[in-house]
Amino acid sequence: MKKAEESLYQTANAIATEVEQDLEKANNLQKRILFSKIIKNLIFTDEEKFTAQSVELQRQFNDYSNLVCGPDDYRNYQLNFLNFNGNFAGVGYNPSIRKLSPEEVEAIPYREEILELNGKLFLTRPYETVWGSQKTKVISMCRAICEENVMTPTAIMETQIAFQELERIIGRYVSALDDMGDSGGQVVVYNERDELIYHESESESAGNYYIEQMKKSTADKISHTLNNPITKKDEVLVSAYAKKYNWTILAIREKDIFLAPVRNLRNIILLIGIVVIGITGFITHMMAKQLSSPLMEFNGLMRELQLEEIAAYEPAEIETDILELSELNQVFVKMCKKLQESLNTIVSIRAHEVQAKLLAMQAQMNPHFLYNILSIIKIMGKEAGSKQIVEISTDLSKMLRYVSNSDMNMVTIKDEKDYTIQYLNLMKVRYEDRLYWEIEIPEEMDSVAVPRLVLQPLVENSIKYASENYSQGIIDIQGSITENTWKIEVEDNGPGMDELQIMELEQKLADFLPEKNIPEAQIDGMGLLNIFARLKLAYGDKTIFTLQGSDYGGLKVTIGGKINE
């Protein structure tokens, strides 16, 4: 309804705009004439010329008017000039020069109203007059004018405007209103004096009815609803205002015509809704049938899944045309494979941990027996006053406790560093000045969690080859840490490896699957691949394990990984 009222208002406003534009043409014509002193002087010229109906005076009026206005302006206009002394001149369809009697001057319509406006514009309501030989309906645009240097108006200038042009403008919009529905579109135009200017009905009472209703309305709004007593139907009135000429335009339509599209749309929507509900119900029923069979089959697969049988479980593919169920089945198959991989990984981790301990203890006898023997040696060293024997016994005892610990959890880099230093102290006793070692691992790395026995075996390997150097073996251990990654480098001055050997070993590392393979490569009792495997299981793709030539001439091994939160 609101949109319909807005459309009706746009129609009324468009009529007001075009009517104002048409009236403005006549108003501009008058203004051009008023600015012409020659024409004004002709109005107030010698009375005898008007009495004699001077042809020369008529010619002057015509010529000067044509110069100011142009002949094309007279197609829809008739110009009349009336001096209150009775001088009358007409230009246009009815050219004339004559003298009016005092009675004729007094009988001029709206004479007093025009004079009261003192030069301002006055528009009459439509009336019939004769243009040439034909009756023509016109509206008069009048204003009082003064003789030069005189303040009191002494004449009237009238422009008769052919009403048919205004009727054509309004009629075009009435037709547009009828196009909005079957029929029932009306336009009413009236002035500030509540005089009817336009209504398509020949009966003025019909148009005046709407004017009276608007006068009764006190609401300051442009839209009104009323019940027409003649048609007994509700009508919607929307008003627009031609402000410059004080005309009000009413656009009127029956309310039922406004609501007809709404009712039709409602019925169409209801019909569509019923059809959609029916189709939806049928499709839902068919989809339910298609879904139930695959879902039951999928439910059976879920029930068949047992944790103890997951390693050998092969989930079947469900045949279905439904994309979502097919994707769900694929996710289920992937989940089963992930579970299998996770179980294999856990088993492999446990196996590697056990193997690492076994490899580290291959040369050991019963630990308790060794602890007792080391205690006896330590006591004997104290009694003999040998500080070196006491230190060797202490370091060796701590090392045995570290490697024989049955805890499978990760250790800290500080634990690995302390264990490696104890080992290096023992090697220093053996090689004396033939071995030089340096270890620099920042304190901020001490709390980082790493797998047990990943540093000392690398150092042991470096000592093995660095000791072959007849001058002095060098072992350099450097640690570093970034925001979320730790790294330790172990390098020596031994014979090292050539590029081919490094490439072969790196290929073995690339092909190695820690979840499935048990490493066998040895470095003095500790498998190199075992270290790589446990780092890989702990850090996955974030594992750092590289081999390269050392600046000392030997081999540099770098290990590292992501710092776990």
Protein backbone atom coordinates (compact mmCIF):
# COMPACT_ATOMS: atom_id res chain seq x y z
CA MET A 1 0.00 0.00 0.00
CA LYS A 2 2.81 2.39 0.89
CA LYS A 3 4.52 1.86 -2.47
CA ALA A 4 1.21 2.41 -4.29
CA GLU A 5 0.68 5.71 -2.42
CA GLU A 6 4.24 6.74 -3.28
CA SER A 7 3.58 6.02 -6.96
CA LEU A 8 0.37 8.06 -6.79
CA TYR A 9 2.26 10.95 -5.18
CA GLN A 10 4.89 10.86 -7.92
CA THR A 11 2.08 11.19 -10.49
CA ALA A 12 0.55 14.19 -8.69
CA ASN A 13 3.95 15.81 -8.26
CA ALA A 14 4.81 15.30 -11.94
CA ILE A 15 1.53 17.01 -12.95
CA ALA A 16 2.32 19.93 -10.61
CA THR A 17 5.79 20.29 -12.11
CA GLU A 18 4.63 20.30 -15.75
CA VAL A 19 1.69 22.64 -15.06
CA GLU A 20 4.05 25.08 -13.33
CA GLN A 21 6.40 24.95 -16.31
CA ASP A 22 3.55 25.70 -18.75
CA LEU A 23 2.25 28.60 -16.66
CA GLU A 24 5.79 29.91 -16.27
CA LYS A 25 6.02 30.34 -20.06
CA ALA A 26 3.02 32.71 -20.01
CA ASN A 27 4.39 34.50 -16.95
CA ASN A 28 7.74 35.09 -18.67
CA LEU A 29 5.90 36.40 -21.72
CA GLN A 30 4.15 39.02 -19.55
CA LYS A 31 7.41 40.00 -17.86
CA ARG A 32 9.12 40.63 -21.20
CA ILE A 33 6.25 42.90 -22.28
CA LEU A 34 6.24 44.78 -18.97
CA PHE A 35 9.93 45.55 -19.39
CA SER A 36 9.14 47.18 -22.77
CA LYS A 37 8.53 50.92 -22.24
CA ILE A 38 7.27 51.31 -25.81
CA ILE A 39 4.38 48.89 -25.32
CA LYS A 40 3.51 50.39 -21.92
CA ASN A 41 3.46 53.87 -23.47
CA LEU A 42 1.07 52.62 -26.19
CA ILE A 43 -1.34 51.45 -23.45
CA PHE A 44 -1.40 54.91 -21.94
CA THR A 45 -1.46 56.83 -25.30
CA ASP A 46 -4.03 59.35 -26.53
CA GLU A 47 -7.65 58.22 -25.93
CA GLU A 48 -8.73 59.49 -29.32
CA LYS A 49 -6.75 56.80 -31.12
CA PHE A 50 -8.63 54.14 -29.17
CA THR A 51 -11.95 55.89 -29.81
CA ALA A 52 -11.18 56.04 -33.51
CA GLN A 53 -9.96 52.43 -33.47
CA SER A 54 -6.72 53.53 -35.08
CA VAL A 55 -5.30 50.99 -37.55
CA GLU A 56 -1.86 52.54 -37.08
CA LEU A 57 -2.07 52.02 -33.31
CA GLN A 58 -3.09 48.40 -33.85
CA ARG A 59 -0.15 47.90 -36.16
CA GLN A 60 2.20 49.38 -33.53
CA PHE A 61 0.84 47.05 -30.83
CA ASN A 62 1.29 44.05 -33.12
CA ASP A 63 4.78 45.02 -34.30
CA TYR A 64 6.20 45.88 -30.91
CA SER A 65 4.63 42.83 -29.26
CA ASN A 66 6.13 40.59 -31.97
CA LEU A 67 9.53 42.16 -31.41
CA VAL A 68 9.37 41.44 -27.66
CA CYS A 69 7.66 38.06 -27.74
CA GLY A 70 7.92 36.61 -31.22
CA PRO A 71 4.98 35.39 -33.32
CA ASP A 72 5.27 31.76 -32.13
CA ASP A 73 4.31 32.81 -28.58
CA TYR A 74 0.76 33.60 -29.72
CA ARG A 75 -0.17 30.03 -30.65
CA ASN A 76 -1.52 29.37 -27.15
CA TYR A 77 -1.89 32.97 -25.89
CA GLN A 78 -4.04 36.09 -26.39
CA LEU A 79 -2.69 39.41 -24.96
CA ASN A 80 -5.14 42.10 -23.81
CA PHE A 81 -4.37 45.56 -22.37
CA LEU A 82 -7.05 47.61 -20.56
CA ASN A 83 -6.60 51.14 -19.28
CA PHE A 84 -9.20 52.09 -16.66
CA ASN A 85 -10.07 55.10 -18.80
CA GLY A 86 -11.54 52.59 -21.31
CA ASN A 87 -8.58 52.18 -23.70
CA PHE A 88 -8.49 48.50 -24.82
CA ALA A 89 -5.93 46.75 -27.09
CA GLY A 90 -5.81 43.09 -28.07
CA VAL A 91 -2.91 41.18 -29.70
CA GLY A 92 -3.07 37.58 -30.93
CA TYR A 93 -6.16 35.69 -32.12
CA ASN A 94 -8.37 38.74 -31.48
CA PRO A 95 -6.40 41.87 -32.47
CA SER A 96 -8.43 45.02 -31.74
CA ILE A 97 -8.22 48.66 -30.70
CA ARG A 98 -11.37 50.08 -29.11
CA LYS A 99 -12.84 52.23 -26.38
CA LEU A 100 -14.82 50.58 -23.53
CA SER A 101 -17.60 52.28 -21.69
CA PRO A 102 -17.29 52.92 -17.94
CA GLU A 103 -19.89 50.20 -17.37
CA GLU A 104 -17.82 47.67 -19.34
CA VAL A 105 -14.71 48.62 -17.34
CA GLU A 106 -16.53 48.14 -14.05
CA ALA A 107 -17.85 44.74 -15.20
CA ILE A 108 -14.41 43.22 -15.76
CA PRO A 109 -14.25 39.93 -13.73
CA TYR A 110 -11.88 39.86 -10.72
CA ARG A 111 -11.11 43.57 -11.22
CA GLU A 112 -10.97 44.38 -7.52
CA GLU A 113 -8.94 41.24 -6.63
CA ILE A 114 -6.38 42.08 -9.32
CA LEU A 115 -6.01 45.67 -8.08
CA GLU A 116 -5.59 44.52 -4.46
CA LEU A 117 -2.60 42.41 -5.48
CA ASN A 118 -0.88 45.61 -6.65
CA GLY A 119 1.00 44.12 -9.58
CA LYS A 120 1.25 40.54 -8.35
CA LEU A 121 0.02 37.66 -10.49
CA PHE A 122 -3.65 36.62 -10.48
CA LEU A 123 -4.94 33.44 -12.18
CA THR A 124 -8.61 32.99 -12.98
CA ARG A 125 -10.41 29.68 -13.16
CA PRO A 126 -11.08 28.25 -16.66
CA TYR A 127 -13.82 29.90 -18.76
CA GLU A 128 -14.92 30.01 -22.38
CA THR A 129 -14.19 32.88 -24.74
CA VAL A 130 -13.93 33.40 -28.52
CA TRP A 131 -10.55 33.20 -30.26
CA GLY A 132 -10.97 34.16 -33.85
CA SER A 133 -14.26 32.48 -34.77
CA GLN A 134 -14.05 29.54 -32.34
CA LYS A 135 -15.03 29.14 -28.74
CA THR A 136 -11.96 28.40 -26.67
CA LYS A 137 -11.54 27.44 -23.01
CA VAL A 138 -8.87 29.62 -21.39
CA ILE A 139 -7.33 30.69 -18.10
CA SER A 140 -6.51 34.37 -17.65
CA MET A 141 -3.21 35.42 -16.09
CA CYS A 142 -3.68 39.03 -14.97
CA ARG A 143 -1.72 41.73 -13.15
CA ALA A 144 -2.25 45.44 -12.53
CA ILE A 145 0.24 47.83 -14.16
CA CYS A 146 1.12 51.47 -13.57
CA GLU A 147 1.81 54.35 -15.88
CA GLU A 148 5.43 55.52 -15.71
CA ASN A 149 6.15 57.66 -12.62
CA VAL A 150 2.74 56.78 -11.19
CA MET A 151 2.49 54.50 -8.13
CA THR A 152 -1.21 53.63 -8.36
CA PRO A 153 -2.19 50.93 -10.92
CA THR A 154 -4.26 52.40 -13.72
CA ALA A 155 -4.39 49.44 -16.14
CA ILE A 156 -4.59 45.64 -16.33
CA MET A 157 -2.56 43.32 -18.51
CA GLU A 158 -4.21 39.98 -19.31
CA THR A 159 -2.70 36.85 -20.92
CA GLN A 160 -5.32 34.33 -21.96
CA ILE A 161 -3.83 30.81 -21.91
CA ALA A 162 -5.40 28.04 -23.98
CA PHE A 163 -6.59 25.51 -21.39
CA GLN A 164 -6.35 22.61 -23.84
CA GLU A 165 -2.55 22.40 -23.30
CA LEU A 166 -3.04 22.01 -19.54
CA GLU A 167 -5.80 19.45 -20.21
CA ARG A 168 -3.42 17.52 -22.45
CA ILE A 169 -0.72 17.40 -19.72
CA ILE A 170 -3.18 16.30 -17.04
CA GLY A 171 -5.00 13.88 -19.36
CA ARG A 172 -1.72 12.09 -20.11
CA TYR A 173 -1.22 11.35 -16.42
CA VAL A 174 -4.85 10.28 -15.97
CA SER A 175 -4.23 7.67 -18.68
CA ALA A 176 -1.10 6.58 -16.76
CA LEU A 177 -3.22 6.18 -13.61
CA ASP A 178 -5.66 3.96 -15.50
CA ASP A 179 -2.75 1.84 -16.69
CA MET A 180 -1.96 1.06 -13.02
CA GLY A 181 -5.26 -0.85 -12.76
CA ASP A 182 -8.44 -1.59 -14.69
CA SER A 183 -9.81 1.96 -14.28
CA GLY A 184 -10.72 4.48 -11.60
CA GLY A 185 -7.87 6.99 -11.93
CA GLN A 186 -8.85 10.65 -11.41
CA VAL A 187 -7.10 14.02 -11.13
CA VAL A 188 -8.55 17.11 -9.49
CA VAL A 189 -6.86 20.53 -9.67
CA TYR A 190 -8.01 23.55 -7.66
CA ASN A 191 -6.56 26.94 -6.67
CA GLU A 192 -5.99 28.72 -3.36
CA ARG A 193 -9.56 30.12 -3.54
CA ASP A 194 -10.83 26.50 -3.63
CA GLU A 195 -12.08 27.01 -7.18
CA LEU A 196 -12.12 23.92 -9.37
CA ILE A 197 -9.56 24.18 -12.18
CA TYR A 198 -9.76 20.67 -13.61
CA HIS A 199 -11.78 17.49 -13.22
CA GLU A 200 -12.64 15.09 -16.03
CA SER A 201 -16.28 14.89 -14.92
CA GLU A 202 -18.60 17.37 -16.61
CA SER A 203 -20.33 17.83 -13.28
CA GLU A 204 -18.51 20.36 -11.09
CA SER A 205 -20.09 18.85 -8.00
CA ALA A 206 -17.96 15.73 -8.35
CA GLY A 207 -14.75 17.74 -8.34
CA ASN A 208 -15.97 20.10 -5.62
CA TYR A 209 -16.70 17.07 -3.41
CA TYR A 210 -12.98 16.27 -3.22
CA ILE A 211 -12.15 19.93 -2.55
CA GLU A 212 -14.61 19.98 0.35
CA GLN A 213 -13.09 16.80 1.79
CA MET A 214 -9.61 18.29 1.64
CA LYS A 215 -10.87 21.46 3.39
CA LYS A 216 -12.30 19.31 6.20
CA SER A 217 -9.05 17.42 6.68
CA THR A 218 -6.85 18.97 9.35
CA ALA A 219 -4.12 16.33 9.20
CA ASP A 220 -0.85 17.64 7.78
CA LYS A 221 -0.24 14.81 5.37
CA ILE A 222 -0.26 14.24 1.64
CA SER A 223 -2.27 11.00 1.66
CA HIS A 224 -5.95 10.63 2.65
CA THR A 225 -8.54 7.85 2.52
CA LEU A 226 -12.29 8.54 2.15
CA ASN A 227 -15.47 6.76 1.20
CA ASN A 228 -17.04 8.14 -1.98
CA PRO A 229 -20.81 8.53 -1.34
CA ILE A 230 -21.59 8.18 -5.04
CA THR A 231 -19.62 5.00 -5.82
CA LYS A 232 -19.77 3.70 -2.22
CA LYS A 233 -16.11 2.73 -2.54
CA ASP A 234 -13.03 3.69 -0.53
CA GLU A 235 -10.66 5.98 -2.40
CA VAL A 236 -7.09 7.10 -1.77
CA LEU A 237 -6.26 10.78 -2.38
CA VAL A 238 -2.64 11.97 -2.66
CA SER A 239 -1.93 15.68 -2.99
CA ALA A 240 0.91 17.71 -4.49
CA TYR A 241 1.30 21.49 -4.50
CA ALA A 242 2.30 23.81 -7.37
CA LYS A 243 3.70 26.36 -4.95
CA LYS A 244 4.42 29.26 -7.28
CA TYR A 245 0.86 29.42 -8.62
CA ASN A 246 -0.96 28.08 -5.53
CA TRP A 247 -2.61 25.16 -7.28
CA THR A 248 -3.26 21.86 -5.50
CA ILE A 249 -3.22 18.62 -7.55
CA LEU A 250 -5.09 15.57 -6.25
CA ALA A 251 -4.33 12.13 -7.71
CA ILE A 252 -7.15 9.70 -6.84
CA ARG A 253 -7.56 5.92 -7.12
CA GLU A 254 -9.94 3.36 -5.70
CA LYS A 255 -8.40 1.52 -2.77
CA ASP A 256 -9.51 -1.87 -4.08
CA ILE A 257 -7.49 -1.30 -7.25
CA PHE A 258 -4.44 -0.56 -5.10
CA LEU A 259 -4.89 -3.77 -3.16
CA ALA A 260 -5.71 -5.95 -6.19
CA PRO A 261 -2.03 -6.63 -7.04
CA VAL A 262 -1.39 -7.42 -3.39
CA ARG A 263 -4.28 -9.89 -3.29
CA ASN A 264 -3.19 -11.45 -6.55
CA LEU A 265 0.37 -11.74 -5.30
CA ARG A 266 -0.89 -13.26 -2.05
CA ASN A 267 -2.91 -15.87 -3.94
CA ILE A 268 0.04 -16.68 -6.20
CA ILE A 269 2.35 -17.03 -3.20
CA LEU A 270 -0.15 -19.31 -1.44
CA LEU A 271 -0.47 -21.45 -4.55
CA ILE A 272 3.30 -21.60 -4.99
CA GLY A 273 3.66 -22.43 -1.30
CA ILE A 274 1.24 -25.35 -1.57
CA VAL A 275 3.02 -26.66 -4.66
CA VAL A 276 6.44 -26.24 -3.02
CA ILE A 277 5.29 -28.02 0.15
CA GLY A 278 3.96 -30.90 -1.92
CA ILE A 279 7.13 -31.18 -4.00
CA THR A 280 9.29 -30.83 -0.88
CA GLY A 281 7.36 -33.59 0.88
CA PHE A 282 7.77 -35.92 -2.10
CA ILE A 283 11.48 -35.14 -2.47
CA THR A 284 12.00 -35.55 1.29
CA HIS A 285 10.32 -38.96 1.19
CA MET A 286 12.50 -40.09 -1.73
CA MET A 287 15.67 -38.75 -0.12
CA ALA A 288 14.81 -40.47 3.15
CA LYS A 289 14.52 -43.76 1.28
CA GLN A 290 17.86 -43.17 -0.45
CA LEU A 291 19.52 -42.18 2.82
CA SER A 292 18.25 -44.95 5.06
CA SER A 293 19.94 -47.85 3.23
CA PRO A 294 23.48 -46.36 3.11
CA LEU A 295 23.14 -45.12 6.69
CA MET A 296 22.21 -48.58 7.94
CA GLU A 297 25.16 -50.03 6.03
CA PHE A 298 27.43 -47.36 7.48
CA ASN A 299 26.11 -48.09 10.97
CA GLY A 300 27.01 -51.76 10.45
CA LEU A 301 30.58 -50.82 9.49
CA MET A 302 30.90 -48.71 12.65
CA ARG A 303 29.74 -51.64 14.80
CA GLU A 304 32.26 -53.98 13.15
CA LEU A 305 35.17 -51.68 14.11
CA GLN A 306 37.02 -53.10 17.16
CA LEU A 307 40.14 -51.49 18.61
CA GLU A 308 41.95 -54.79 19.06
CA GLU A 309 41.37 -55.62 15.40
CA ILE A 310 42.11 -52.16 13.99
CA ALA A 311 45.57 -53.19 12.69
CA ALA A 312 44.06 -55.72 10.26
CA TYR A 313 40.72 -53.96 9.69
CA GLU A 314 39.87 -53.06 6.07
CA PRO A 315 36.71 -50.88 5.92
CA ALA A 316 34.45 -51.50 2.93
CA GLU A 317 33.42 -48.74 0.50
CA ILE A 318 29.72 -47.84 0.57
CA GLU A 319 28.13 -47.45 -2.87
CA THR A 320 25.88 -44.36 -2.87
CA ASP A 321 25.01 -41.50 -5.22
CA ILE A 322 24.72 -39.06 -2.31
CA LEU A 323 27.84 -36.91 -2.22
CA GLU A 324 27.68 -36.22 1.52
CA LEU A 325 27.41 -39.92 2.41
CA SER A 326 30.21 -40.77 0.00
CA GLU A 327 32.42 -38.12 1.62
CA LEU A 328 31.44 -39.39 5.09
CA ASN A 329 32.48 -42.92 4.08
CA GLN A 330 35.79 -41.61 2.76
CA VAL A 331 36.38 -39.80 6.05
CA PHE A 332 35.60 -43.03 7.94
CA VAL A 333 38.10 -44.98 5.79
CA LYS A 334 40.75 -42.29 6.33
CA MET A 335 40.04 -42.32 10.07
CA CYS A 336 40.60 -46.09 10.20
CA LYS A 337 43.89 -45.70 8.34
CA LYS A 338 44.95 -42.88 10.68
CA LEU A 339 44.16 -45.08 13.67
CA GLN A 340 46.23 -47.87 12.18
CA GLU A 341 49.13 -45.48 11.56
CA SER A 342 48.83 -44.03 15.08
CA LEU A 343 48.92 -47.51 16.66
CA ASN A 344 51.90 -48.46 14.52
CA THR A 345 53.64 -45.23 15.52
CA ILE A 346 53.06 -45.86 19.24
CA VAL A 347 54.32 -49.43 18.96
CA SER A 348 57.34 -48.25 16.97
CA ILE A 349 58.16 -45.55 19.53
CA ARG A 350 58.09 -48.10 22.33
CA ALA A 351 60.26 -50.48 20.29
CA HIS A 352 62.82 -47.78 19.53
CA GLU A 353 62.97 -46.70 23.17
CA VAL A 354 63.58 -50.29 24.27
CA GLN A 355 66.14 -50.84 21.54
CA ALA A 356 67.97 -47.62 22.43
CA LYS A 357 68.32 -48.80 26.01
CA LEU A 358 69.41 -52.28 24.96
CA LEU A 359 71.98 -50.87 22.53
CA ALA A 360 73.34 -48.52 25.23
CA MET A 361 73.65 -51.43 27.69
CA GLN A 362 75.08 -54.06 25.32
CA ALA A 363 78.46 -54.03 27.07
CA GLN A 364 77.04 -53.86 30.60
CA MET A 365 76.92 -56.55 33.20
CA ASN A 366 74.39 -56.52 36.01
CA PRO A 367 74.00 -52.80 36.96
CA HIS A 368 73.77 -53.52 40.68
CA PHE A 369 76.97 -55.50 40.48
CA LEU A 370 78.65 -52.65 38.62
CA TYR A 371 77.38 -50.04 41.12
CA ASN A 372 78.89 -52.11 43.97
CA ILE A 373 82.24 -52.54 42.14
CA LEU A 374 82.38 -48.79 41.35
CA SER A 375 81.66 -47.95 44.99
CA ILE A 376 84.55 -50.23 46.09
CA ILE A 377 86.88 -48.57 43.54
CA LYS A 378 85.79 -45.11 44.72
CA ILE A 379 86.52 -46.02 48.35
CA MET A 380 89.90 -47.47 47.40
CA GLY A 381 90.70 -44.29 45.49
CA LYS A 382 89.88 -42.13 48.50
CA GLU A 383 92.05 -44.34 50.75
CA ALA A 384 94.89 -44.18 48.23
CA GLY A 385 94.43 -40.40 47.93
CA SER A 386 93.71 -40.57 44.19
CA LYS A 387 91.27 -37.79 43.31
CA GLN A 388 91.19 -38.88 39.65
CA ILE A 389 89.98 -42.41 40.50
CA VAL A 390 87.22 -40.95 42.69
CA GLU A 391 86.07 -38.62 39.87
CA ILE A 392 86.14 -41.42 37.27
CA SER A 393 84.10 -43.68 39.53
CA THR A 394 81.57 -40.92 40.24
CA ASP A 395 81.07 -40.00 36.55
CA LEU A 396 80.78 -43.62 35.48
CA SER A 397 78.24 -44.36 38.21
CA LYS A 398 76.05 -41.40 37.13
CA MET A 399 76.24 -42.53 33.50
CA LEU A 400 75.11 -46.03 34.39
CA ARG A 401 72.16 -44.66 36.33
CA TYR A 402 71.16 -42.42 33.38
CA VAL A 403 71.20 -45.15 30.74
CA SER A 404 69.59 -47.77 32.97
CA ASN A 405 66.63 -45.54 33.85
CA SER A 406 63.40 -47.31 32.79
CA ASP A 407 61.39 -44.05 32.40
CA MET A 408 60.15 -43.81 28.81
CA ASN A 409 59.37 -40.05 28.98
CA MET A 410 61.38 -37.31 27.26
CA VAL A 411 64.37 -35.80 29.10
CA THR A 412 65.75 -32.24 29.04
CA ILE A 413 68.69 -30.95 27.07
CA LYS A 414 70.38 -30.25 30.43
CA ASP A 415 70.16 -33.99 31.25
CA GLU A 416 71.67 -34.86 27.88
CA LYS A 417 74.37 -32.18 28.30
CA ASP A 418 75.36 -33.38 31.80
CA TYR A 419 75.50 -37.01 30.64
CA THR A 420 77.68 -36.04 27.65
CA ILE A 421 80.06 -33.98 29.86
CA GLN A 422 80.48 -36.97 32.19
CA TYR A 423 81.33 -39.09 29.17
CA LEU A 424 83.83 -36.49 27.87
CA ASN A 425 85.51 -36.32 31.29
CA LEU A 426 86.14 -40.07 31.12
CA MET A 427 87.46 -39.77 27.54
CA LYS A 428 89.77 -36.92 28.65
CA VAL A 429 91.36 -39.29 31.18
CA ARG A 430 91.96 -41.78 28.41
CA TYR A 431 93.33 -39.45 25.71
CA GLU A 432 94.73 -36.69 27.94
CA ASP A 433 96.16 -33.87 25.77
CA ARG A 434 95.31 -35.72 22.55
CA LEU A 435 91.63 -34.72 23.03
CA TYR A 436 90.25 -31.18 23.16
CA TRP A 437 86.55 -30.61 23.57
CA GLU A 438 84.28 -27.58 23.94
CA ILE A 439 80.54 -27.48 24.66
CA GLU A 440 78.46 -24.29 24.46
CA ILE A 441 74.74 -24.82 24.97
CA PRO A 442 72.80 -21.73 26.25
CA GLU A 443 71.00 -22.04 29.58
CA GLU A 444 67.67 -21.12 27.93
CA MET A 445 67.86 -24.51 26.16
CA ASP A 446 68.17 -26.46 29.43
CA SER A 447 64.40 -27.06 29.85
CA VAL A 448 63.73 -28.14 26.24
CA ALA A 449 62.36 -31.72 26.08
CA VAL A 450 64.21 -34.20 23.81
CA PRO A 451 64.39 -38.00 23.42
CA ARG A 452 66.93 -39.75 25.70
CA LEU A 453 70.41 -40.57 24.33
CA VAL A 454 70.51 -38.39 21.18
CA LEU A 455 73.64 -36.31 21.95
CA GLN A 456 76.26 -38.58 23.62
CA PRO A 457 76.22 -41.23 20.83
CA LEU A 458 77.07 -38.52 18.28
CA VAL A 459 79.93 -37.27 20.50
CA GLU A 460 81.17 -40.85 20.95
CA ASN A 461 81.24 -41.27 17.15
CA SER A 462 83.16 -38.00 16.74
CA ILE A 463 85.78 -39.05 19.36
CA LYS A 464 86.24 -42.38 17.60
CA TYR A 465 87.26 -40.68 14.35
CA ALA A 466 88.88 -37.55 15.80
CA SER A 467 91.22 -39.73 17.91
CA GLU A 468 92.75 -40.97 14.66
CA ASN A 469 94.26 -37.52 14.28
CA TYR A 470 97.87 -37.92 15.48
CA SER A 471 98.19 -34.35 16.67
CA GLN A 472 95.04 -33.60 18.68
CA GLY A 473 91.38 -34.59 18.32
CA ILE A 474 88.84 -31.70 18.47
CA ILE A 475 85.18 -32.05 19.48
CA ASP A 476 83.04 -28.88 19.18
CA ILE A 477 79.44 -28.92 20.47
CA GLN A 478 77.30 -25.79 19.84
CA GLY A 479 73.64 -25.23 20.74
CA SER A 480 71.20 -22.55 19.59
CA ILE A 481 67.53 -21.75 19.97
CA THR A 482 65.01 -19.61 18.06
CA GLU A 483 61.39 -18.78 18.85
CA ASN A 484 60.16 -22.35 18.47
CA THR A 485 63.13 -24.47 17.28
CA TRP A 486 66.18 -25.94 19.05
CA LYS A 487 69.37 -27.09 17.31
CA ILE A 488 72.69 -28.75 18.39
CA GLU A 489 75.76 -29.15 16.14
CA VAL A 490 78.49 -31.74 16.80
CA GLU A 491 81.62 -31.53 14.68
CA ASP A 492 85.14 -32.98 14.76
CA ASN A 493 88.46 -32.90 12.92
CA GLY A 494 88.47 -36.57 11.94
CA PRO A 495 88.70 -37.90 8.38
CA GLY A 496 85.00 -37.07 7.78
CA MET A 497 82.98 -38.28 4.78
CA ASP A 498 83.17 -37.45 1.11
CA GLU A 499 80.15 -36.10 -0.76
CA LEU A 500 79.18 -39.51 -2.14
CA GLN A 501 79.13 -41.10 1.32
CA ILE A 502 77.03 -38.21 2.69
CA MET A 503 74.57 -38.50 -0.22
CA GLU A 504 74.20 -42.28 0.29
CA LEU A 505 73.55 -41.82 4.02
CA GLU A 506 71.05 -39.00 3.40
CA GLN A 507 69.21 -41.24 0.91
CA LYS A 508 68.94 -43.94 3.58
CA LEU A 509 67.49 -41.36 5.95
CA ALA A 510 65.00 -40.18 3.31
CA ASP A 511 63.83 -43.75 2.59
CA PHE A 512 63.68 -44.71 6.26
CA LEU A 513 60.17 -45.10 7.78
CA PRO A 514 60.48 -44.93 11.58
CA GLU A 515 56.94 -46.30 12.03
CA LYS A 516 57.80 -49.58 10.31
CA ASN A 517 61.61 -50.05 10.25
CA ILE A 518 63.87 -51.06 13.12
CA PRO A 519 67.25 -49.41 12.50
CA GLU A 520 70.38 -51.52 12.38
CA ALA A 521 73.19 -49.10 11.44
CA GLN A 522 75.61 -48.82 14.38
CA ILE A 523 77.88 -46.13 15.79
CA ASP A 524 79.81 -47.80 18.59
CA GLY A 525 76.77 -49.44 20.11
CA MET A 526 74.14 -46.79 19.25
CA GLY A 527 72.35 -46.82 15.88
CA LEU A 528 72.55 -43.60 13.82
CA LEU A 529 69.18 -44.40 12.27
CA ASN A 530 67.88 -45.10 15.76
CA ILE A 531 68.64 -41.49 16.74
CA PHE A 532 67.05 -40.21 13.51
CA ALA A 533 64.00 -42.45 14.01
CA ARG A 534 63.31 -41.28 17.56
CA LEU A 535 63.74 -37.63 16.56
CA LYS A 536 61.39 -38.20 13.61
CA LEU A 537 58.78 -39.82 15.83
CA ALA A 538 59.05 -36.98 18.33
CA TYR A 539 59.04 -34.01 15.92
CA GLY A 540 57.64 -35.34 12.63
CA ASP A 541 58.23 -33.01 9.67
CA LYS A 542 59.88 -30.45 11.99
CA THR A 543 62.84 -32.80 12.62
CA ILE A 544 66.35 -31.43 11.90
CA PHE A 545 68.98 -34.07 11.00
CA THR A 546 71.74 -33.08 8.59
CA LEU A 547 75.27 -34.24 7.69
CA GLN A 548 77.95 -32.00 6.17
CA GLY A 549 81.69 -31.32 6.16
CA SER A 550 83.13 -29.54 9.18
CA ASP A 551 85.29 -26.43 9.16
CA TYR A 552 87.76 -28.52 11.22
CA GLY A 553 88.10 -30.95 8.32
CA GLY A 554 85.90 -33.72 9.72
CA LEU A 555 82.14 -34.25 9.89
CA LYS A 556 79.40 -31.98 11.31
CA VAL A 557 76.11 -33.56 12.40
CA THR A 558 73.20 -31.21 13.19
CA ILE A 559 70.10 -32.36 15.10
CA GLY A 560 67.07 -30.41 16.28
CA GLY A 561 63.32 -30.02 16.23
CA LYS A 562 60.31 -27.95 17.18
CA ILE A 563 59.99 -26.91 20.83
CA ASN A 564 56.81 -28.55 22.15
CA GLU A 565 54.60 -26.32 24.29
